[in-house]
Amino acid sequence: MADNNQPATKQDLLDMRDELIEKMRDLQTEVLTAFHGWARPIEIKLRTLPMIDERLGLLEERISELERQRPHH
């Protein structure tokens, strides 16, 4: 068991630095993975908006054409 009352050696500090870097990289990966899981459905929805707008425009044109063709009473 390590004696916690002994001063840290340079190697101890280097080991702690390496462990900290590894933990930070793991945390970064977790954050990016979580963000990707959240952002992916939103990205898909944003990509479909132009298609929806285009389809609505086509439907409006068709409705207008039908209304013009309808006999007026």
C-alpha atoms as a PDB file:
ATOM      1  CA  MET A   1       0.000   0.000   0.000  1.00  0.00           C
ATOM      2  CA  ALA A   2       1.374   3.451  -0.878  1.00  0.00           C
ATOM      3  CA  ASP A   3       2.399   5.753   1.938  1.00  0.00           C
ATOM      4  CA  ASN A   4       0.258   8.887   1.478  1.00  0.00           C
ATOM      5  CA  ASN A   5       2.618  10.888   3.719  1.00  0.00           C
ATOM      6  CA  GLN A   6       5.567  10.602   1.328  1.00  0.00           C
ATOM      7  CA  PRO A   7       6.206  13.420  -1.162  1.00  0.00           C
ATOM      8  CA  ALA A   8       5.240  12.683  -4.759  1.00  0.00           C
ATOM      9  CA  THR A   9       8.041  11.847  -7.115  1.00  0.00           C
ATOM     10  CA  LYS A  10       8.342  13.245 -10.594  1.00  0.00           C
ATOM     11  CA  GLN A  11       7.218   9.842 -11.907  1.00  0.00           C
ATOM     12  CA  ASP A  12       4.166   9.930  -9.617  1.00  0.00           C
ATOM     13  CA  LEU A  13       3.219  13.311 -11.107  1.00  0.00           C
ATOM     14  CA  LEU A  14       3.761  12.053 -14.657  1.00  0.00           C
ATOM     15  CA  ASP A  15       1.602   8.994 -13.942  1.00  0.00           C
ATOM     16  CA  MET A  16      -1.160  11.171 -12.486  1.00  0.00           C
ATOM     17  CA  ARG A  17      -0.953  13.466 -15.513  1.00  0.00           C
ATOM     18  CA  ASP A  18      -1.309  10.511 -17.870  1.00  0.00           C
ATOM     19  CA  GLU A  19      -4.292   9.178 -15.920  1.00  0.00           C
ATOM     20  CA  LEU A  20      -5.915  12.605 -15.947  1.00  0.00           C
ATOM     21  CA  ILE A  21      -5.418  12.951 -19.699  1.00  0.00           C
ATOM     22  CA  GLU A  22      -6.956   9.523 -20.245  1.00  0.00           C
ATOM     23  CA  LYS A  23      -9.961  10.370 -18.066  1.00  0.00           C
ATOM     24  CA  MET A  24     -10.419  13.684 -19.889  1.00  0.00           C
ATOM     25  CA  ARG A  25     -10.391  11.890 -23.251  1.00  0.00           C
ATOM     26  CA  ASP A  26     -12.948   9.385 -21.992  1.00  0.00           C
ATOM     27  CA  LEU A  27     -15.145  12.238 -20.788  1.00  0.00           C
ATOM     28  CA  GLN A  28     -14.801  14.026 -24.114  1.00  0.00           C
ATOM     29  CA  THR A  29     -15.857  10.859 -25.919  1.00  0.00           C
ATOM     30  CA  GLU A  30     -18.886  10.464 -23.657  1.00  0.00           C
ATOM     31  CA  VAL A  31     -19.956  14.085 -24.199  1.00  0.00           C
ATOM     32  CA  LEU A  32     -19.544  13.858 -27.978  1.00  0.00           C
ATOM     33  CA  THR A  33     -21.426  10.561 -28.097  1.00  0.00           C
ATOM     34  CA  ALA A  34     -24.299  11.998 -26.055  1.00  0.00           C
ATOM     35  CA  PHE A  35     -24.419  15.155 -28.182  1.00  0.00           C
ATOM     36  CA  HIS A  36     -24.416  13.127 -31.387  1.00  0.00           C
ATOM     37  CA  GLY A  37     -27.331  11.058 -30.096  1.00  0.00           C
ATOM     38  CA  TRP A  38     -29.260  14.260 -29.374  1.00  0.00           C
ATOM     39  CA  ALA A  39     -28.307  16.120 -32.559  1.00  0.00           C
ATOM     40  CA  ARG A  40     -28.870  13.327 -35.085  1.00  0.00           C
ATOM     41  CA  PRO A  41     -32.708  13.342 -35.011  1.00  0.00           C
ATOM     42  CA  ILE A  42     -32.716  17.140 -35.189  1.00  0.00           C
ATOM     43  CA  GLU A  43     -30.369  17.078 -38.169  1.00  0.00           C
ATOM     44  CA  ILE A  44     -32.674  14.641 -39.956  1.00  0.00           C
ATOM     45  CA  LYS A  45     -35.703  16.862 -39.283  1.00  0.00           C
ATOM     46  CA  LEU A  46     -33.886  19.944 -40.533  1.00  0.00           C
ATOM     47  CA  ARG A  47     -32.948  18.165 -43.739  1.00  0.00           C
ATOM     48  CA  THR A  48     -36.584  17.215 -44.413  1.00  0.00           C
ATOM     49  CA  LEU A  49     -37.947  20.760 -43.979  1.00  0.00           C
ATOM     50  CA  PRO A  50     -37.137  21.895 -47.547  1.00  0.00           C
ATOM     51  CA  MET A  51     -38.916  18.802 -48.897  1.00  0.00           C
ATOM     52  CA  ILE A  52     -41.964  19.554 -46.757  1.00  0.00           C
ATOM     53  CA  ASP A  53     -42.014  23.180 -47.938  1.00  0.00           C
ATOM     54  CA  GLU A  54     -41.745  22.033 -51.544  1.00  0.00           C
ATOM     55  CA  ARG A  55     -44.603  19.565 -51.137  1.00  0.00           C
ATOM     56  CA  LEU A  56     -46.779  22.210 -49.459  1.00  0.00           C
ATOM     57  CA  GLY A  57     -46.107  24.548 -52.364  1.00  0.00           C
ATOM     58  CA  LEU A  58     -47.146  21.873 -54.849  1.00  0.00           C
ATOM     59  CA  LEU A  59     -50.321  21.158 -52.885  1.00  0.00           C
ATOM     60  CA  GLU A  60     -51.191  24.863 -52.764  1.00  0.00           C
ATOM     61  CA  GLU A  61     -50.756  25.082 -56.537  1.00  0.00           C
ATOM     62  CA  ARG A  62     -52.994  22.063 -57.084  1.00  0.00           C
ATOM     63  CA  ILE A  63     -55.691  23.433 -54.777  1.00  0.00           C
ATOM     64  CA  SER A  64     -55.593  26.814 -56.510  1.00  0.00           C
ATOM     65  CA  GLU A  65     -55.907  25.129 -59.897  1.00  0.00           C
ATOM     66  CA  LEU A  66     -58.881  23.054 -58.712  1.00  0.00           C
ATOM     67  CA  GLU A  67     -60.558  26.131 -57.280  1.00  0.00           C
ATOM     68  CA  ARG A  68     -60.140  27.968 -60.604  1.00  0.00           C
ATOM     69  CA  GLN A  69     -61.653  25.037 -62.480  1.00  0.00           C
ATOM     70  CA  ARG A  70     -64.659  24.759 -60.155  1.00  0.00           C
ATOM     71  CA  PRO A  71     -67.812  26.295 -61.581  1.00  0.00           C
ATOM     72  CA  HIS A  72     -68.983  29.377 -59.693  1.00  0.00           C
ATOM     73  CA  HIS A  73     -72.594  29.416 -58.456  1.00  0.00           C
END
